[in-house]
Amino acid sequence: MEQLLIKELTTISEMLSHIETIKFLYPNLSKEKYESYLLEMIPHNYTQIAVFEKEVCLGLTGCWSATKLWTGKYLEIDNFVVNPDYRSRGIGKLLTDYVEKKALDLNCSSIVLDAFTGNFGAHRFYYNQGYAPKGFHFVKILDEKKLTV
């Protein structure tokens, strides 16, 4: 692989320009829906971190910081995706290492994330990066038609 570049994406236009990478995770996500979600998320500290080889986005993750009573300030990983053609080449580790440094720089107590219960590949990856389950994330679906997945 060529030299890799890690870049934080902070604007809607930067994020929208890499929708094809997000579509590996959410294949049916339209540009319009993606943009409307980003318009709501960015004001709440949402950014994306992307790994590039030349101009090609190999993987990215969203993240945002917030504060909860049980943990204080934390950083949440959201929408973690690596292009299937580049998996098992260290792209995911580059992203989690960057997120960890960002969390430390922001003086966070912890990093949190959700992984779907059946996504065993993700579970193995996160365990290998030092993450462990702390509890259950319960969900009550109110309108399935509004879901992206």
N, C-alpha and C. Protein backbone atom coordinates (compact mmCIF):
# COMPACT_ATOMS: atom_id res chain seq x y z
N MET A 1 0.84 -1.19 0.00
CA MET A 1 0.00 0.00 0.00
C MET A 1 0.88 1.24 0.00
N GLU A 2 0.38 2.27 -0.64
CA GLU A 2 1.04 3.58 -0.66
C GLU A 2 0.99 4.20 0.73
N GLN A 3 1.54 5.38 0.85
CA GLN A 3 1.47 6.13 2.09
C GLN A 3 0.02 6.43 2.43
N LEU A 4 -0.38 6.18 3.68
CA LEU A 4 -1.75 6.42 4.10
C LEU A 4 -1.83 7.75 4.82
N LEU A 5 -2.95 8.44 4.65
CA LEU A 5 -3.19 9.72 5.29
C LEU A 5 -4.46 9.61 6.12
N ILE A 6 -4.40 10.07 7.36
CA ILE A 6 -5.59 10.13 8.21
C ILE A 6 -6.01 11.59 8.29
N LYS A 7 -7.30 11.81 8.06
CA LYS A 7 -7.82 13.17 8.04
C LYS A 7 -9.15 13.23 8.77
N GLU A 8 -9.35 14.31 9.55
CA GLU A 8 -10.65 14.54 10.16
C GLU A 8 -11.54 15.29 9.18
N LEU A 9 -12.74 14.79 9.01
CA LEU A 9 -13.73 15.43 8.16
C LEU A 9 -14.71 16.15 9.08
N THR A 10 -14.85 17.46 8.89
CA THR A 10 -15.67 18.23 9.81
C THR A 10 -16.84 18.94 9.15
N THR A 11 -16.85 18.98 7.82
CA THR A 11 -17.94 19.68 7.13
C THR A 11 -18.85 18.68 6.41
N ILE A 12 -20.06 19.11 6.16
CA ILE A 12 -21.01 18.26 5.45
C ILE A 12 -20.47 17.91 4.06
N SER A 13 -19.90 18.87 3.36
CA SER A 13 -19.42 18.57 2.01
C SER A 13 -18.29 17.54 2.03
N GLU A 14 -17.38 17.62 3.02
CA GLU A 14 -16.32 16.60 3.12
C GLU A 14 -16.92 15.22 3.37
N MET A 15 -17.89 15.15 4.28
CA MET A 15 -18.50 13.87 4.63
C MET A 15 -19.31 13.31 3.46
N LEU A 16 -20.08 14.18 2.80
CA LEU A 16 -20.89 13.73 1.67
C LEU A 16 -20.03 13.20 0.52
N SER A 17 -18.84 13.74 0.37
CA SER A 17 -17.99 13.31 -0.74
C SER A 17 -17.50 11.87 -0.56
N HIS A 18 -17.70 11.29 0.62
CA HIS A 18 -17.28 9.91 0.87
C HIS A 18 -18.47 9.00 1.21
N ILE A 19 -19.64 9.35 0.66
CA ILE A 19 -20.84 8.55 0.91
C ILE A 19 -20.66 7.11 0.42
N GLU A 20 -19.87 6.90 -0.62
CA GLU A 20 -19.68 5.53 -1.12
C GLU A 20 -19.03 4.64 -0.07
N THR A 21 -18.20 5.19 0.78
CA THR A 21 -17.61 4.41 1.87
C THR A 21 -18.66 4.08 2.92
N ILE A 22 -19.49 5.06 3.28
CA ILE A 22 -20.58 4.82 4.25
C ILE A 22 -21.54 3.78 3.71
N LYS A 23 -21.72 3.74 2.39
CA LYS A 23 -22.67 2.79 1.79
C LYS A 23 -22.21 1.33 1.93
N PHE A 24 -20.94 1.08 2.25
CA PHE A 24 -20.55 -0.30 2.57
C PHE A 24 -21.26 -0.76 3.84
N LEU A 25 -21.59 0.18 4.71
CA LEU A 25 -22.30 -0.11 5.95
C LEU A 25 -23.81 0.02 5.78
N TYR A 26 -24.23 1.04 5.05
CA TYR A 26 -25.65 1.33 4.84
C TYR A 26 -25.92 1.45 3.34
N PRO A 27 -26.06 0.34 2.63
CA PRO A 27 -26.16 0.38 1.16
C PRO A 27 -27.35 1.17 0.62
N ASN A 28 -28.41 1.27 1.38
CA ASN A 28 -29.62 1.95 0.90
C ASN A 28 -29.71 3.41 1.33
N LEU A 29 -28.67 3.95 1.95
CA LEU A 29 -28.69 5.32 2.42
C LEU A 29 -28.58 6.29 1.24
N SER A 30 -29.59 7.13 1.10
CA SER A 30 -29.57 8.12 0.01
C SER A 30 -28.73 9.32 0.42
N LYS A 31 -28.26 10.05 -0.58
CA LYS A 31 -27.48 11.26 -0.31
C LYS A 31 -28.33 12.27 0.47
N GLU A 32 -29.60 12.36 0.13
CA GLU A 32 -30.49 13.31 0.80
C GLU A 32 -30.67 12.97 2.28
N LYS A 33 -30.89 11.69 2.55
CA LYS A 33 -31.08 11.27 3.94
C LYS A 33 -29.78 11.45 4.73
N TYR A 34 -28.66 11.06 4.11
CA TYR A 34 -27.35 11.21 4.74
C TYR A 34 -27.11 12.67 5.10
N GLU A 35 -27.36 13.56 4.16
CA GLU A 35 -27.16 14.99 4.41
C GLU A 35 -28.07 15.49 5.52
N SER A 36 -29.33 15.07 5.54
CA SER A 36 -30.25 15.52 6.58
C SER A 36 -29.81 15.03 7.96
N TYR A 37 -29.28 13.81 8.04
CA TYR A 37 -28.77 13.30 9.32
C TYR A 37 -27.54 14.09 9.75
N LEU A 38 -26.63 14.33 8.81
CA LEU A 38 -25.42 15.08 9.15
C LEU A 38 -25.76 16.49 9.64
N LEU A 39 -26.76 17.11 9.04
CA LEU A 39 -27.19 18.44 9.49
C LEU A 39 -27.62 18.43 10.95
N GLU A 40 -28.18 17.32 11.41
CA GLU A 40 -28.58 17.18 12.81
C GLU A 40 -27.41 16.77 13.70
N MET A 41 -26.49 15.97 13.17
CA MET A 41 -25.42 15.40 13.99
C MET A 41 -24.25 16.35 14.22
N ILE A 42 -23.84 17.07 13.19
CA ILE A 42 -22.64 17.92 13.29
C ILE A 42 -22.75 18.95 14.42
N PRO A 43 -23.90 19.60 14.64
CA PRO A 43 -23.96 20.54 15.77
C PRO A 43 -23.78 19.88 17.15
N HIS A 44 -23.81 18.55 17.19
CA HIS A 44 -23.64 17.82 18.45
C HIS A 44 -22.26 17.16 18.52
N ASN A 45 -21.25 17.83 18.00
CA ASN A 45 -19.84 17.40 18.06
C ASN A 45 -19.50 16.24 17.14
N TYR A 46 -20.35 15.90 16.19
CA TYR A 46 -20.06 14.78 15.29
C TYR A 46 -18.99 15.17 14.28
N THR A 47 -17.96 14.34 14.15
CA THR A 47 -16.95 14.47 13.11
C THR A 47 -16.70 13.08 12.54
N GLN A 48 -15.96 13.03 11.47
CA GLN A 48 -15.54 11.75 10.92
C GLN A 48 -14.02 11.75 10.78
N ILE A 49 -13.47 10.57 10.92
CA ILE A 49 -12.04 10.36 10.74
C ILE A 49 -11.91 9.36 9.60
N ALA A 50 -11.11 9.71 8.60
CA ALA A 50 -11.01 8.87 7.41
C ALA A 50 -9.55 8.56 7.10
N VAL A 51 -9.34 7.36 6.54
CA VAL A 51 -8.01 6.94 6.10
C VAL A 51 -8.03 6.93 4.57
N PHE A 52 -7.04 7.60 3.99
CA PHE A 52 -6.95 7.72 2.54
C PHE A 52 -5.64 7.13 2.02
N GLU A 53 -5.74 6.55 0.84
CA GLU A 53 -4.57 6.21 0.05
C GLU A 53 -4.71 7.03 -1.23
N LYS A 54 -3.84 8.03 -1.40
CA LYS A 54 -4.02 9.04 -2.44
C LYS A 54 -5.38 9.68 -2.21
N GLU A 55 -6.27 9.64 -3.17
CA GLU A 55 -7.59 10.28 -3.02
C GLU A 55 -8.68 9.27 -2.62
N VAL A 56 -8.31 8.00 -2.45
CA VAL A 56 -9.30 6.95 -2.19
C VAL A 56 -9.51 6.78 -0.68
N CYS A 57 -10.77 6.89 -0.25
CA CYS A 57 -11.11 6.68 1.15
C CYS A 57 -11.20 5.17 1.40
N LEU A 58 -10.30 4.65 2.25
CA LEU A 58 -10.25 3.22 2.53
C LEU A 58 -11.15 2.83 3.70
N GLY A 59 -11.39 3.78 4.59
CA GLY A 59 -12.23 3.51 5.74
C GLY A 59 -12.48 4.80 6.50
N LEU A 60 -13.55 4.79 7.28
CA LEU A 60 -13.82 5.96 8.11
C LEU A 60 -14.68 5.58 9.29
N THR A 61 -14.67 6.45 10.27
CA THR A 61 -15.55 6.30 11.41
C THR A 61 -16.03 7.67 11.84
N GLY A 62 -17.25 7.70 12.30
CA GLY A 62 -17.75 8.90 12.92
C GLY A 62 -17.45 8.83 14.40
N CYS A 63 -17.41 9.98 15.05
CA CYS A 63 -17.28 10.00 16.50
C CYS A 63 -17.80 11.33 17.03
N TRP A 64 -18.17 11.30 18.28
CA TRP A 64 -18.61 12.51 18.95
C TRP A 64 -18.38 12.37 20.43
N SER A 65 -18.18 13.50 21.07
CA SER A 65 -17.97 13.48 22.52
C SER A 65 -19.21 14.05 23.19
N ALA A 66 -19.42 13.57 24.40
CA ALA A 66 -20.54 14.03 25.22
C ALA A 66 -20.21 13.69 26.67
N THR A 67 -21.15 13.95 27.55
CA THR A 67 -20.96 13.69 28.98
C THR A 67 -22.17 12.95 29.51
N LYS A 68 -21.91 11.92 30.29
CA LYS A 68 -22.96 11.18 30.99
C LYS A 68 -22.60 11.11 32.46
N LEU A 69 -23.59 10.93 33.30
CA LEU A 69 -23.34 10.88 34.74
C LEU A 69 -22.42 9.72 35.13
N TRP A 70 -22.58 8.56 34.51
CA TRP A 70 -21.80 7.39 34.94
C TRP A 70 -20.35 7.43 34.48
N THR A 71 -20.05 8.15 33.40
CA THR A 71 -18.70 8.11 32.84
C THR A 71 -18.03 9.47 32.74
N GLY A 72 -18.79 10.54 32.93
CA GLY A 72 -18.23 11.86 32.67
C GLY A 72 -18.08 12.03 31.17
N LYS A 73 -17.06 12.75 30.74
CA LYS A 73 -16.86 13.00 29.31
C LYS A 73 -16.36 11.72 28.64
N TYR A 74 -16.94 11.38 27.51
CA TYR A 74 -16.57 10.18 26.77
C TYR A 74 -16.58 10.50 25.28
N LEU A 75 -15.97 9.63 24.51
CA LEU A 75 -16.01 9.73 23.05
C LEU A 75 -16.72 8.50 22.53
N GLU A 76 -17.66 8.69 21.64
CA GLU A 76 -18.41 7.57 21.07
C GLU A 76 -18.03 7.36 19.62
N ILE A 77 -17.68 6.13 19.29
CA ILE A 77 -17.44 5.72 17.91
C ILE A 77 -18.78 5.37 17.30
N ASP A 78 -19.01 5.85 16.08
CA ASP A 78 -20.29 5.61 15.41
C ASP A 78 -20.03 5.44 13.92
N ASN A 79 -20.65 4.45 13.31
CA ASN A 79 -20.55 4.24 11.86
C ASN A 79 -19.12 3.92 11.42
N PHE A 80 -18.55 2.90 12.00
CA PHE A 80 -17.18 2.46 11.71
C PHE A 80 -17.21 1.53 10.50
N VAL A 81 -16.50 1.89 9.44
CA VAL A 81 -16.55 1.08 8.22
C VAL A 81 -15.21 1.12 7.49
N VAL A 82 -14.80 -0.04 7.01
CA VAL A 82 -13.61 -0.16 6.17
C VAL A 82 -14.06 -0.80 4.86
N ASN A 83 -13.60 -0.22 3.75
CA ASN A 83 -13.89 -0.78 2.44
C ASN A 83 -13.52 -2.27 2.45
N PRO A 84 -14.44 -3.16 2.06
CA PRO A 84 -14.16 -4.60 2.10
C PRO A 84 -12.88 -5.01 1.36
N ASP A 85 -12.50 -4.28 0.32
CA ASP A 85 -11.29 -4.60 -0.43
C ASP A 85 -10.01 -4.32 0.36
N TYR A 86 -10.13 -3.58 1.47
CA TYR A 86 -8.95 -3.18 2.24
C TYR A 86 -8.99 -3.70 3.68
N ARG A 87 -9.91 -4.60 3.99
CA ARG A 87 -9.99 -5.13 5.35
C ARG A 87 -8.81 -6.04 5.64
N SER A 88 -8.50 -6.17 6.92
CA SER A 88 -7.38 -6.99 7.41
C SER A 88 -6.04 -6.45 6.94
N ARG A 89 -5.95 -5.14 6.75
CA ARG A 89 -4.70 -4.50 6.36
C ARG A 89 -4.29 -3.40 7.34
N GLY A 90 -4.94 -3.37 8.51
CA GLY A 90 -4.57 -2.40 9.53
C GLY A 90 -5.30 -1.07 9.48
N ILE A 91 -6.25 -0.92 8.55
CA ILE A 91 -7.00 0.34 8.43
C ILE A 91 -7.83 0.58 9.69
N GLY A 92 -8.52 -0.43 10.16
CA GLY A 92 -9.34 -0.30 11.37
C GLY A 92 -8.51 0.07 12.58
N LYS A 93 -7.33 -0.53 12.71
CA LYS A 93 -6.46 -0.20 13.84
C LYS A 93 -5.98 1.24 13.75
N LEU A 94 -5.67 1.72 12.54
CA LEU A 94 -5.29 3.13 12.39
C LEU A 94 -6.42 4.04 12.90
N LEU A 95 -7.65 3.68 12.56
CA LEU A 95 -8.80 4.49 13.00
C LEU A 95 -8.98 4.44 14.51
N THR A 96 -8.93 3.25 15.11
CA THR A 96 -9.13 3.18 16.56
C THR A 96 -7.98 3.84 17.32
N ASP A 97 -6.76 3.73 16.81
CA ASP A 97 -5.63 4.41 17.45
C ASP A 97 -5.82 5.92 17.41
N TYR A 98 -6.28 6.44 16.27
CA TYR A 98 -6.52 7.88 16.14
C TYR A 98 -7.63 8.31 17.10
N VAL A 99 -8.70 7.54 17.16
CA VAL A 99 -9.83 7.85 18.05
C VAL A 99 -9.34 7.87 19.51
N GLU A 100 -8.51 6.92 19.87
CA GLU A 100 -8.01 6.88 21.25
C GLU A 100 -7.19 8.13 21.57
N LYS A 101 -6.33 8.53 20.66
CA LYS A 101 -5.55 9.76 20.88
C LYS A 101 -6.47 10.96 20.99
N LYS A 102 -7.47 11.03 20.14
CA LYS A 102 -8.43 12.13 20.18
C LYS A 102 -9.16 12.16 21.53
N ALA A 103 -9.58 10.99 22.00
CA ALA A 103 -10.28 10.91 23.30
C ALA A 103 -9.37 11.38 24.43
N LEU A 104 -8.12 10.98 24.40
CA LEU A 104 -7.17 11.43 25.42
C LEU A 104 -6.96 12.95 25.34
N ASP A 105 -6.83 13.47 24.12
CA ASP A 105 -6.65 14.91 23.93
C ASP A 105 -7.87 15.70 24.44
N LEU A 106 -9.06 15.10 24.34
CA LEU A 106 -10.29 15.75 24.80
C LEU A 106 -10.54 15.51 26.30
N ASN A 107 -9.61 14.79 26.95
CA ASN A 107 -9.71 14.48 28.38
C ASN A 107 -10.93 13.61 28.69
N CYS A 108 -11.21 12.64 27.83
CA CYS A 108 -12.33 11.72 28.02
C CYS A 108 -11.92 10.60 28.97
N SER A 109 -12.89 10.09 29.70
CA SER A 109 -12.65 8.95 30.60
C SER A 109 -12.67 7.63 29.85
N SER A 110 -13.38 7.60 28.72
CA SER A 110 -13.57 6.33 28.04
C SER A 110 -14.02 6.56 26.60
N ILE A 111 -13.98 5.46 25.85
CA ILE A 111 -14.51 5.42 24.48
C ILE A 111 -15.60 4.36 24.48
N VAL A 112 -16.72 4.68 23.88
CA VAL A 112 -17.83 3.74 23.83
C VAL A 112 -18.25 3.51 22.37
N LEU A 113 -18.91 2.39 22.12
CA LEU A 113 -19.42 2.09 20.79
C LEU A 113 -20.48 1.02 20.89
N ASP A 114 -21.26 0.89 19.85
CA ASP A 114 -22.24 -0.19 19.72
C ASP A 114 -21.81 -1.06 18.55
N ALA A 115 -21.99 -2.36 18.70
CA ALA A 115 -21.79 -3.31 17.60
C ALA A 115 -23.00 -4.25 17.64
N PHE A 116 -23.62 -4.44 16.50
CA PHE A 116 -24.80 -5.30 16.46
C PHE A 116 -24.47 -6.69 17.01
N THR A 117 -25.44 -7.31 17.65
CA THR A 117 -25.21 -8.58 18.35
C THR A 117 -24.70 -9.69 17.43
N GLY A 118 -25.11 -9.70 16.18
CA GLY A 118 -24.67 -10.76 15.27
C GLY A 118 -23.40 -10.45 14.50
N ASN A 119 -22.80 -9.31 14.74
CA ASN A 119 -21.61 -8.91 13.99
C ASN A 119 -20.34 -9.40 14.69
N PHE A 120 -20.10 -10.70 14.60
CA PHE A 120 -19.01 -11.33 15.34
C PHE A 120 -17.63 -10.86 14.88
N GLY A 121 -17.50 -10.52 13.61
CA GLY A 121 -16.23 -9.99 13.12
C GLY A 121 -15.88 -8.68 13.82
N ALA A 122 -16.89 -7.81 13.98
CA ALA A 122 -16.67 -6.55 14.69
C ALA A 122 -16.34 -6.81 16.16
N HIS A 123 -17.05 -7.75 16.77
CA HIS A 123 -16.77 -8.07 18.18
C HIS A 123 -15.31 -8.49 18.35
N ARG A 124 -14.85 -9.37 17.51
CA ARG A 124 -13.46 -9.85 17.58
C ARG A 124 -12.49 -8.69 17.39
N PHE A 125 -12.77 -7.84 16.40
CA PHE A 125 -11.91 -6.68 16.14
C PHE A 125 -11.83 -5.78 17.38
N TYR A 126 -12.98 -5.43 17.95
CA TYR A 126 -12.98 -4.52 19.10
C TYR A 126 -12.33 -5.15 20.32
N TYR A 127 -12.56 -6.43 20.57
CA TYR A 127 -11.85 -7.12 21.66
C TYR A 127 -10.34 -6.99 21.46
N ASN A 128 -9.88 -7.21 20.23
CA ASN A 128 -8.45 -7.12 19.94
C ASN A 128 -7.89 -5.72 20.12
N GLN A 129 -8.75 -4.71 20.09
CA GLN A 129 -8.32 -3.32 20.29
C GLN A 129 -8.45 -2.89 21.75
N GLY A 130 -8.84 -3.82 22.63
CA GLY A 130 -8.93 -3.52 24.06
C GLY A 130 -10.30 -3.11 24.56
N TYR A 131 -11.32 -3.23 23.72
CA TYR A 131 -12.68 -2.91 24.13
C TYR A 131 -13.34 -4.16 24.71
N ALA A 132 -14.29 -3.94 25.62
CA ALA A 132 -15.03 -5.06 26.21
C ALA A 132 -16.45 -4.58 26.50
N PRO A 133 -17.42 -5.51 26.46
CA PRO A 133 -18.80 -5.11 26.76
C PRO A 133 -18.94 -4.69 28.22
N LYS A 134 -19.69 -3.63 28.43
CA LYS A 134 -19.94 -3.12 29.78
C LYS A 134 -21.41 -3.31 30.16
N GLY A 135 -22.26 -3.44 29.18
CA GLY A 135 -23.69 -3.58 29.44
C GLY A 135 -24.42 -3.91 28.16
N PHE A 136 -25.71 -3.73 28.16
CA PHE A 136 -26.55 -3.96 27.00
C PHE A 136 -27.11 -2.63 26.51
N HIS A 137 -27.17 -2.46 25.23
CA HIS A 137 -27.80 -1.29 24.63
C HIS A 137 -29.18 -1.75 24.18
N PHE A 138 -30.21 -1.39 24.92
CA PHE A 138 -31.57 -1.81 24.59
C PHE A 138 -32.19 -0.85 23.59
N VAL A 139 -32.97 -1.40 22.67
CA VAL A 139 -33.61 -0.61 21.63
C VAL A 139 -35.07 -1.02 21.52
N LYS A 140 -35.95 -0.07 21.45
CA LYS A 140 -37.36 -0.32 21.16
C LYS A 140 -37.67 0.40 19.85
N ILE A 141 -37.90 -0.37 18.78
CA ILE A 141 -38.17 0.19 17.46
C ILE A 141 -39.60 0.74 17.44
N LEU A 142 -39.73 2.00 17.09
CA LEU A 142 -41.04 2.64 17.01
C LEU A 142 -41.58 2.69 15.58
N ASP A 143 -40.67 2.77 14.60
CA ASP A 143 -41.09 2.83 13.19
C ASP A 143 -39.96 2.28 12.34
N GLU A 144 -40.07 1.02 11.92
CA GLU A 144 -39.02 0.37 11.15
C GLU A 144 -38.72 1.07 9.83
N LYS A 145 -39.72 1.74 9.24
CA LYS A 145 -39.52 2.42 7.96
C LYS A 145 -38.54 3.57 8.07
N LYS A 146 -38.32 4.08 9.25
CA LYS A 146 -37.39 5.21 9.44
C LYS A 146 -35.95 4.75 9.65
N LEU A 147 -35.73 3.45 9.81
CA LEU A 147 -34.38 2.94 10.06
C LEU A 147 -33.55 2.91 8.79
N THR A 148 -32.24 3.10 8.93
CA THR A 148 -31.33 3.03 7.79
C THR A 148 -30.94 1.59 7.52
N VAL A 149 -30.88 0.76 8.53
CA VAL A 149 -30.49 -0.66 8.35
C VAL A 149 -31.71 -1.54 8.40
